N, C-alpha and C. Protein backbone atom coordinates (compact mmCIF):
# COMPACT_ATOMS: atom_id res chain seq x y z
N MET A 1 0.91 -0.89 0.13
CA MET A 1 0.05 0.03 -0.27
C MET A 1 0.91 1.06 -0.10
N ARG A 2 0.33 2.33 -1.25
CA ARG A 2 0.98 3.27 -0.78
C ARG A 2 0.44 4.40 0.04
N GLN A 3 1.79 4.80 0.78
CA GLN A 3 1.53 5.95 1.76
C GLN A 3 1.95 7.59 1.03
N ASN A 4 1.00 8.78 1.42
CA ASN A 4 1.20 9.90 0.69
C ASN A 4 2.50 10.16 1.94
N SER A 5 3.42 10.77 1.25
CA SER A 5 4.14 11.48 2.04
C SER A 5 4.43 12.71 2.69
N GLU A 6 3.50 13.81 1.94
CA GLU A 6 2.51 15.04 1.94
C GLU A 6 2.00 14.78 2.75
N PRO A 7 2.16 15.98 4.38
CA PRO A 7 0.50 16.27 4.98
C PRO A 7 -0.09 16.60 4.74
N SER A 8 -1.15 16.24 4.82
CA SER A 8 -2.29 17.28 4.41
C SER A 8 -3.03 18.42 5.25
N ALA A 9 -3.12 19.11 4.70
CA ALA A 9 -3.25 20.29 5.32
C ALA A 9 -5.23 20.82 5.90
N ALA A 10 -5.34 21.00 7.14
CA ALA A 10 -6.40 20.48 7.61
C ALA A 10 -6.88 21.82 7.16
N PRO A 11 -8.62 21.59 6.99
CA PRO A 11 -9.34 22.88 5.94
C PRO A 11 -9.43 24.26 6.55
N SER A 12 -8.86 23.77 7.95
CA SER A 12 -9.27 24.98 8.93
C SER A 12 -7.73 25.85 8.28
N ASP A 13 -6.54 25.30 7.42
CA ASP A 13 -5.05 26.10 7.78
C ASP A 13 -5.23 26.53 6.62
N LEU A 14 -6.29 26.86 5.67
CA LEU A 14 -6.39 27.26 4.61
C LEU A 14 -7.24 28.73 4.51
N ARG A 15 -7.02 29.67 3.79
CA ARG A 15 -7.74 30.99 3.80
C ARG A 15 -8.80 29.93 2.52
N ALA A 16 -9.65 31.75 2.91
CA ALA A 16 -11.18 31.19 2.56
C ALA A 16 -10.97 31.66 1.07
N ASP A 17 -9.70 32.35 0.62
CA ASP A 17 -9.95 32.31 -0.84
C ASP A 17 -8.82 32.01 -1.65
N ASN A 18 -7.90 31.11 -0.63
CA ASN A 18 -6.98 29.60 -1.52
C ASN A 18 -5.72 30.57 -2.11
N ARG A 19 -5.73 31.98 -1.32
CA ARG A 19 -3.98 32.48 -1.56
C ARG A 19 -3.24 31.89 -0.48
N LEU A 20 -1.74 32.25 -1.15
CA LEU A 20 -1.07 32.07 0.21
C LEU A 20 -0.83 32.87 1.07
N GLN A 21 -0.46 33.41 2.42
CA GLN A 21 -0.62 33.93 3.25
C GLN A 21 1.12 34.58 2.87
N THR A 22 0.90 36.15 2.47
CA THR A 22 2.27 36.41 2.50
C THR A 22 3.05 37.80 3.05
N GLU A 23 2.13 38.18 3.79
CA GLU A 23 2.35 39.87 4.64
C GLU A 23 3.68 39.67 5.39
N THR A 24 3.18 38.35 6.41
CA THR A 24 5.17 38.44 7.54
C THR A 24 6.08 38.51 6.83
N ALA A 25 6.63 37.94 5.12
CA ALA A 25 7.59 38.10 4.48
C ALA A 25 7.54 39.10 3.50
N THR A 26 6.46 39.51 3.00
CA THR A 26 6.41 40.46 1.86
C THR A 26 6.36 42.33 2.77
N GLY A 27 5.90 42.02 3.69
CA GLY A 27 6.66 43.45 4.76
C GLY A 27 7.25 43.69 5.00
N ALA A 28 8.17 42.71 5.02
CA ALA A 28 9.48 43.15 6.01
C ALA A 28 10.11 44.23 4.86
N ILE A 29 10.98 45.49 5.77
CA ILE A 29 11.80 46.22 4.85
C ILE A 29 12.90 45.22 4.10
N GLY A 30 13.66 44.64 4.08
CA GLY A 30 14.71 44.29 3.18
C GLY A 30 14.20 43.28 2.62
N TYR A 31 12.74 42.76 2.28
CA TYR A 31 12.29 42.41 1.05
C TYR A 31 12.12 43.23 0.33
N ARG A 32 11.56 44.17 0.75
CA ARG A 32 10.75 45.08 -0.07
C ARG A 32 11.96 45.99 -0.57
N LEU A 33 12.84 46.02 -0.06
CA LEU A 33 14.17 47.18 -1.04
C LEU A 33 14.73 46.25 -2.18
N ARG A 34 14.99 45.19 -1.63
CA ARG A 34 15.13 44.09 -2.04
C ARG A 34 14.77 43.86 -3.18
N ARG A 35 13.57 43.04 -3.62
CA ARG A 35 12.40 43.60 -5.07
C ARG A 35 12.35 44.65 -5.60
N ALA A 36 12.22 45.93 -5.38
CA ALA A 36 12.50 47.28 -5.69
C ALA A 36 14.10 47.21 -6.11
N GLN A 37 14.82 47.02 -5.78
CA GLN A 37 15.95 47.00 -6.49
C GLN A 37 16.59 45.72 -7.63
N LEU A 38 15.29 45.29 -7.56
CA LEU A 38 15.70 43.81 -8.32
C LEU A 38 15.08 44.43 -9.75
N ASN A 39 14.04 45.27 -9.52
CA ASN A 39 12.87 45.84 -10.39
C ASN A 39 13.49 46.53 -11.30
N VAL A 40 14.26 47.26 -10.31
CA VAL A 40 15.00 48.76 -11.16
C VAL A 40 15.84 48.36 -11.63
N PHE A 41 16.77 47.31 -11.28
CA PHE A 41 18.29 46.81 -12.13
C PHE A 41 17.74 45.82 -13.20
N GLN A 42 16.42 45.31 -13.01
CA GLN A 42 16.72 44.61 -14.61
C GLN A 42 16.14 45.57 -15.55
N LYS A 43 15.30 46.56 -15.57
CA LYS A 43 15.46 47.78 -16.48
C LYS A 43 16.22 48.22 -16.76
N PHE A 44 17.18 48.80 -16.25
CA PHE A 44 18.59 49.60 -15.98
C PHE A 44 19.15 48.09 -16.89
N LEU A 45 19.39 46.79 -17.01
CA LEU A 45 19.74 46.24 -17.84
C LEU A 45 18.84 46.07 -18.91
N ALA A 46 18.30 45.86 -19.27
CA ALA A 46 18.12 45.34 -20.02
C ALA A 46 18.17 47.02 -20.87
N ILE A 47 18.01 48.23 -20.89
CA ILE A 47 18.14 49.84 -21.29
C ILE A 47 19.48 49.43 -21.77
N PHE A 48 20.59 49.13 -21.33
CA PHE A 48 21.95 49.16 -21.30
C PHE A 48 22.41 48.16 -21.88
N ASP A 49 21.59 46.90 -22.29
CA ASP A 49 22.22 46.06 -22.66
C ASP A 49 22.97 46.07 -23.69
N ALA A 50 21.98 46.87 -25.20
CA ALA A 50 22.51 47.37 -26.38
C ALA A 50 23.88 47.42 -26.06
N LEU A 51 24.58 48.51 -25.27
CA LEU A 51 25.52 49.25 -24.84
C LEU A 51 26.59 48.72 -24.52
N LYS A 52 26.31 47.15 -24.08
CA LYS A 52 27.23 46.22 -23.13
C LYS A 52 27.27 47.47 -22.00
N LEU A 53 26.59 47.65 -21.20
CA LEU A 53 27.39 48.94 -20.19
C LEU A 53 26.95 47.73 -19.01
N ARG A 54 27.87 47.80 -17.70
CA ARG A 54 27.24 46.92 -16.58
C ARG A 54 26.96 48.61 -15.61
N PRO A 55 26.02 48.29 -14.24
CA PRO A 55 25.72 49.42 -13.87
C PRO A 55 27.44 50.28 -13.38
N ALA A 56 28.23 49.31 -12.91
CA ALA A 56 29.38 49.36 -11.94
C ALA A 56 30.18 50.42 -12.57
N GLU A 57 30.05 49.96 -14.10
CA GLU A 57 30.63 50.79 -15.72
C GLU A 57 29.89 52.00 -15.73
N TYR A 58 29.19 52.10 -15.24
CA TYR A 58 28.57 53.57 -15.66
C TYR A 58 29.13 54.07 -14.85
N SER A 59 28.02 53.68 -13.37
CA SER A 59 29.35 54.60 -12.31
C SER A 59 30.23 55.05 -12.54
N VAL A 60 31.08 54.43 -12.90
CA VAL A 60 32.57 54.86 -13.07
C VAL A 60 32.57 56.01 -14.32
N LEU A 61 32.08 55.39 -15.09
CA LEU A 61 31.97 57.00 -15.86
C LEU A 61 31.59 58.00 -15.72
N VAL A 62 30.54 57.99 -15.01
CA VAL A 62 29.70 59.32 -14.81
C VAL A 62 30.86 59.43 -13.73
N LEU A 63 30.77 59.48 -12.27
CA LEU A 63 32.14 59.87 -11.76
C LEU A 63 33.60 60.17 -12.53
N ILE A 64 34.11 59.56 -13.25
CA ILE A 64 35.26 60.35 -14.24
C ILE A 64 34.64 61.32 -14.77
N GLY A 65 33.25 61.82 -15.58
CA GLY A 65 32.70 62.82 -16.84
C GLY A 65 32.88 63.53 -15.54
N ASP A 66 32.35 63.30 -14.10
CA ASP A 66 32.23 64.83 -13.46
C ASP A 66 33.42 64.83 -12.79
N ASN A 67 34.41 64.14 -12.18
CA ASN A 67 35.40 64.44 -11.68
C ASN A 67 37.23 64.12 -12.60
N PRO A 68 36.99 64.68 -13.86
CA PRO A 68 38.21 64.04 -14.72
C PRO A 68 39.92 64.44 -14.13
N GLY A 69 40.53 63.66 -13.99
CA GLY A 69 41.59 63.63 -13.60
C GLY A 69 41.88 62.85 -12.12
N ARG A 70 40.58 62.75 -11.55
CA ARG A 70 40.87 62.20 -10.45
C ARG A 70 41.70 60.66 -10.45
N LYS A 71 42.30 60.24 -8.91
CA LYS A 71 42.94 59.19 -9.03
C LYS A 71 42.20 58.17 -9.05
N GLN A 72 42.18 56.71 -9.94
CA GLN A 72 41.62 55.81 -9.72
C GLN A 72 41.24 55.19 -8.14
N THR A 73 42.49 55.51 -6.96
CA THR A 73 42.24 54.79 -5.99
C THR A 73 40.80 55.50 -4.94
N GLU A 74 40.45 57.12 -5.50
CA GLU A 74 39.61 57.94 -5.22
C GLU A 74 38.22 57.43 -5.99
N ILE A 75 38.55 57.44 -7.24
CA ILE A 75 37.05 56.88 -8.01
C ILE A 75 36.46 55.70 -7.21
N ALA A 76 37.48 54.96 -6.73
CA ALA A 76 37.28 53.24 -6.24
C ALA A 76 36.35 53.27 -4.71
N GLU A 77 37.01 54.30 -4.36
CA GLU A 77 36.98 54.37 -2.78
C GLU A 77 35.80 54.89 -3.06
N VAL A 78 35.06 56.28 -3.76
CA VAL A 78 33.71 56.58 -3.26
C VAL A 78 32.60 55.40 -3.88
N LEU A 79 33.26 54.35 -4.89
CA LEU A 79 31.86 53.12 -4.86
C LEU A 79 32.04 51.94 -4.16
N GLY A 80 33.00 52.44 -3.14
CA GLY A 80 33.12 51.01 -2.44
C GLY A 80 34.11 49.75 -3.71
N ILE A 81 34.37 50.10 -4.35
CA ILE A 81 35.39 48.88 -5.24
C ILE A 81 36.64 48.82 -4.62
N LYS A 82 36.86 47.16 -4.64
CA LYS A 82 37.90 46.93 -3.87
C LYS A 82 39.08 47.18 -5.34
N ARG A 83 39.96 47.61 -5.14
CA ARG A 83 41.60 48.00 -5.80
C ARG A 83 41.17 46.97 -7.35
N ALA A 84 41.39 46.22 -6.70
CA ALA A 84 41.68 45.22 -8.15
C ALA A 84 40.79 44.77 -8.93
N ASN A 85 39.37 45.28 -8.32
CA ASN A 85 38.40 44.67 -8.86
C ASN A 85 37.83 46.18 -10.10
N PHE A 86 38.78 46.76 -9.89
CA PHE A 86 38.28 48.06 -10.08
C PHE A 86 39.52 48.35 -11.18
N VAL A 87 40.62 48.08 -10.86
CA VAL A 87 41.99 47.99 -11.99
C VAL A 87 41.12 47.20 -13.48
N THR A 88 40.82 45.87 -13.02
CA THR A 88 39.69 45.16 -13.80
C THR A 88 39.42 45.90 -14.95
N LEU A 89 38.42 46.81 -13.95
CA LEU A 89 37.14 47.33 -14.52
C LEU A 89 37.60 48.36 -15.73
N VAL A 90 38.55 49.46 -15.09
CA VAL A 90 39.39 50.50 -15.99
C VAL A 90 39.53 49.96 -16.74
N HIS A 91 41.00 48.73 -16.86
CA HIS A 91 41.08 48.56 -17.88
C HIS A 91 40.18 47.37 -19.22
N GLY A 92 38.93 47.14 -18.46
CA GLY A 92 38.19 47.06 -19.69
C GLY A 92 36.97 48.23 -20.54
N LEU A 93 37.52 48.97 -20.10
CA LEU A 93 36.79 50.89 -20.22
C LEU A 93 37.79 51.38 -20.87
N GLU A 94 39.06 51.11 -20.98
CA GLU A 94 40.12 51.27 -21.19
C GLU A 94 40.13 50.75 -22.44
N GLU A 95 40.34 49.24 -22.78
CA GLU A 95 40.07 48.50 -24.19
C GLU A 95 38.79 49.15 -24.95
N ARG A 96 37.72 49.51 -24.77
CA ARG A 96 37.08 50.19 -25.97
C ARG A 96 36.88 51.23 -25.79
N ASN A 97 37.86 52.12 -25.56
CA ASN A 97 38.42 53.54 -25.78
C ASN A 97 37.10 54.41 -25.00
N LEU A 98 36.99 53.83 -24.26
CA LEU A 98 35.93 55.51 -23.00
C LEU A 98 36.95 56.21 -22.26
N VAL A 99 37.88 55.09 -21.98
CA VAL A 99 38.71 56.15 -20.61
C VAL A 99 40.01 56.34 -20.43
N GLU A 100 41.09 56.99 -20.80
CA GLU A 100 41.97 56.82 -20.33
C GLU A 100 42.90 57.26 -19.03
N ARG A 101 43.99 56.51 -18.96
CA ARG A 101 45.09 56.53 -17.53
C ARG A 101 46.07 57.74 -17.90
N ILE A 102 46.50 58.72 -17.32
CA ILE A 102 47.14 59.68 -17.65
C ILE A 102 47.91 59.43 -15.68
N PRO A 103 49.21 59.39 -16.37
CA PRO A 103 50.25 59.39 -14.62
C PRO A 103 49.37 61.34 -14.40
N SER A 104 49.43 60.89 -13.19
CA SER A 104 48.64 62.07 -12.14
C SER A 104 49.67 63.13 -11.98
N ALA A 105 49.55 64.60 -12.24
CA ALA A 105 50.86 65.42 -12.05
C ALA A 105 51.27 66.31 -10.20
N GLN A 106 50.04 65.31 -9.82
CA GLN A 106 50.44 65.83 -8.39
C GLN A 106 51.54 64.44 -8.01
N ASP A 107 51.04 63.25 -7.91
CA ASP A 107 51.78 62.06 -8.13
C ASP A 107 52.07 60.84 -8.79
N LYS A 108 53.02 60.69 -8.87
CA LYS A 108 53.66 60.25 -10.14
C LYS A 108 53.45 58.53 -10.10
N ARG A 109 53.09 58.32 -8.88
CA ARG A 109 52.57 56.86 -8.77
C ARG A 109 51.32 56.76 -8.86
N ALA A 110 50.47 57.70 -9.34
CA ALA A 110 49.07 57.39 -9.66
C ALA A 110 48.56 57.78 -10.91
N ASN A 111 47.18 56.78 -11.09
CA ASN A 111 47.33 57.58 -12.66
C ASN A 111 45.78 58.38 -12.01
N ALA A 112 45.69 59.15 -13.51
CA ALA A 112 44.61 59.88 -13.56
C ALA A 112 44.24 59.46 -14.60
N LEU A 113 42.29 59.98 -13.97
CA LEU A 113 41.04 58.80 -15.27
C LEU A 113 40.66 60.14 -15.85
N HIS A 114 40.35 60.01 -17.19
CA HIS A 114 39.92 60.64 -18.00
C HIS A 114 39.20 59.62 -18.87
N LEU A 115 38.00 60.71 -19.45
CA LEU A 115 36.98 60.29 -20.47
C LEU A 115 37.63 60.35 -21.42
N THR A 116 37.91 59.37 -22.40
CA THR A 116 37.98 60.11 -24.30
C THR A 116 37.12 60.34 -24.85
N GLU A 117 37.25 61.46 -25.46
CA GLU A 117 36.63 61.57 -26.56
C GLU A 117 35.47 60.58 -27.02
N ASN A 118 35.33 59.58 -27.49
CA ASN A 118 34.86 58.14 -27.50
C ASN A 118 33.81 58.35 -26.12
N GLY A 119 34.79 58.29 -25.27
CA GLY A 119 33.62 57.88 -23.69
C GLY A 119 33.15 59.21 -23.48
N LYS A 120 33.18 60.38 -24.17
CA LYS A 120 32.45 61.55 -23.50
C LYS A 120 31.36 61.62 -24.61
N ALA A 121 31.59 61.29 -25.41
CA ALA A 121 30.15 60.63 -26.44
C ALA A 121 29.11 59.37 -26.06
N PHE A 122 29.85 58.50 -25.50
CA PHE A 122 28.93 57.12 -25.28
C PHE A 122 28.69 57.15 -23.76
N LEU A 123 28.91 58.11 -22.93
CA LEU A 123 28.23 58.51 -21.29
C LEU A 123 27.26 59.45 -21.86
N ALA A 124 27.49 60.37 -23.02
CA ALA A 124 25.95 61.50 -23.37
C ALA A 124 25.42 60.68 -23.48
N ASP A 125 25.10 59.29 -24.55
CA ASP A 125 24.09 58.46 -24.79
C ASP A 125 23.87 58.05 -23.63
N ALA A 126 24.47 57.48 -22.74
CA ALA A 126 24.17 56.13 -21.64
C ALA A 126 23.30 57.44 -20.60
N GLN A 127 23.79 58.76 -20.34
CA GLN A 127 23.08 59.20 -19.45
C GLN A 127 21.44 59.26 -19.89
N ALA A 128 21.59 59.80 -21.49
CA ALA A 128 19.90 59.72 -21.78
C ALA A 128 19.12 58.54 -21.42
N ARG A 129 19.52 57.55 -21.95
CA ARG A 129 19.18 56.65 -21.41
C ARG A 129 18.86 56.29 -19.91
N HIS A 130 19.49 56.41 -19.38
CA HIS A 130 19.20 56.61 -18.00
C HIS A 130 18.23 57.56 -17.42
N ALA A 131 18.25 58.94 -18.23
CA ALA A 131 17.55 60.08 -17.92
C ALA A 131 16.05 59.45 -18.01
N ALA A 132 15.72 58.91 -18.90
CA ALA A 132 14.75 57.75 -19.19
C ALA A 132 14.09 57.02 -18.44
N LEU A 133 15.00 55.96 -18.00
CA LEU A 133 14.66 55.31 -16.60
C LEU A 133 14.00 55.90 -15.63
N GLU A 134 15.12 56.97 -14.86
CA GLU A 134 14.74 57.44 -13.80
C GLU A 134 13.20 58.17 -13.66
N GLU A 135 12.96 58.83 -15.25
CA GLU A 135 11.85 59.68 -15.28
C GLU A 135 10.79 58.56 -15.09
N GLU A 136 10.82 57.55 -15.81
CA GLU A 136 9.85 56.59 -15.56
C GLU A 136 9.48 55.79 -13.85
N THR A 137 11.08 56.14 -13.35
CA THR A 137 10.99 55.27 -12.63
C THR A 137 10.33 56.85 -11.14
N VAL A 138 10.65 57.75 -11.11
CA VAL A 138 9.63 59.19 -10.58
C VAL A 138 8.30 59.04 -11.04
N ALA A 139 7.94 58.84 -12.45
CA ALA A 139 6.61 58.60 -12.41
C ALA A 139 5.92 57.30 -11.75
N ARG A 140 6.25 56.40 -11.37
CA ARG A 140 5.72 55.12 -11.12
C ARG A 140 5.79 55.48 -9.50
N LEU A 141 7.02 56.36 -9.46
CA LEU A 141 6.49 56.98 -7.63
C LEU A 141 5.29 57.65 -7.27
N GLY A 142 5.43 58.59 -7.96
CA GLY A 142 4.31 59.38 -8.05
C GLY A 142 4.88 61.42 -7.99
N GLY A 143 5.90 61.31 -8.65
CA GLY A 143 6.25 62.59 -9.34
C GLY A 143 7.88 62.83 -7.87
N PRO A 144 8.32 64.23 -8.20
CA PRO A 144 9.83 64.72 -7.92
C PRO A 144 9.54 65.09 -6.08
N ALA A 145 8.32 64.68 -5.65
CA ALA A 145 8.37 65.37 -4.48
C ALA A 145 8.45 63.67 -3.53
N ALA A 146 8.03 62.53 -4.09
CA ALA A 146 8.13 61.05 -3.66
C ALA A 146 9.43 60.30 -3.50
N ARG A 147 10.37 61.26 -5.07
CA ARG A 147 11.33 60.28 -5.28
C ARG A 147 12.24 61.20 -3.99
N ALA A 148 11.98 62.65 -3.93
CA ALA A 148 12.79 63.11 -2.65
C ALA A 148 12.64 61.85 -1.51
N GLN A 149 11.09 62.19 -1.06
CA GLN A 149 11.30 61.62 0.06
C GLN A 149 11.60 60.01 0.07
N LEU A 150 11.68 59.20 -0.65
CA LEU A 150 12.64 58.15 -1.18
C LEU A 150 13.48 58.09 -0.68
N LEU A 151 14.41 59.15 -1.11
CA LEU A 151 16.10 59.34 -1.18
C LEU A 151 16.57 59.41 0.32
N SER A 152 15.15 60.35 1.11
CA SER A 152 15.80 61.00 1.98
C SER A 152 15.65 59.65 2.89
N LEU A 153 14.66 58.95 2.99
CA LEU A 153 14.61 57.67 3.88
C LEU A 153 15.65 56.72 3.57
N LEU A 154 16.01 56.83 2.15
CA LEU A 154 17.49 55.55 2.06
C LEU A 154 18.37 55.93 2.59
N ASP A 155 18.36 57.40 1.87
CA ASP A 155 19.83 58.13 3.15
C ASP A 155 19.73 57.24 4.40
N ARG A 156 18.54 57.35 5.60
CA ARG A 156 18.99 56.75 6.49
C ARG A 156 19.26 55.16 6.89
N LEU A 157 19.28 54.96 5.94
CA LEU A 157 19.49 53.67 5.71
C LEU A 157 21.49 53.59 5.42
N LEU A 158 21.81 53.98 4.73
CA LEU A 158 23.48 54.18 4.87
C LEU A 158 24.20 54.65 5.64
């Protein structure tokens, strides 16, 4: 005789509408933050796939564009990227002719990072795409005031 290995739920264990009880798990702040991050991240990846650009690379390009001539270590530190990983990342951007390393005028042991002309044009395109994503996200939040409130709340967790 075959025995059922799965315990059967007592009728009182099921919700009347037969839906899963999820409030305990989905009500957790960490869970919601992660789901929201995944949603935005997936949209980011879809938009930047044509450019073959990853989020970390985009952040590096933006920081170099806003701060030309800064040392690699400064950019890596701001982004929280380990030195070895950052060197590899910059090398990849350099191979794509987006970034160039120039010996620092202040510290000959360090490299200053600059966007190439190609890198400037590439970044302008990437920033336009990112602006469209940001605009869509702000609209989903309910507008600029909601965006400001969300950023303020997130800053409390950083």
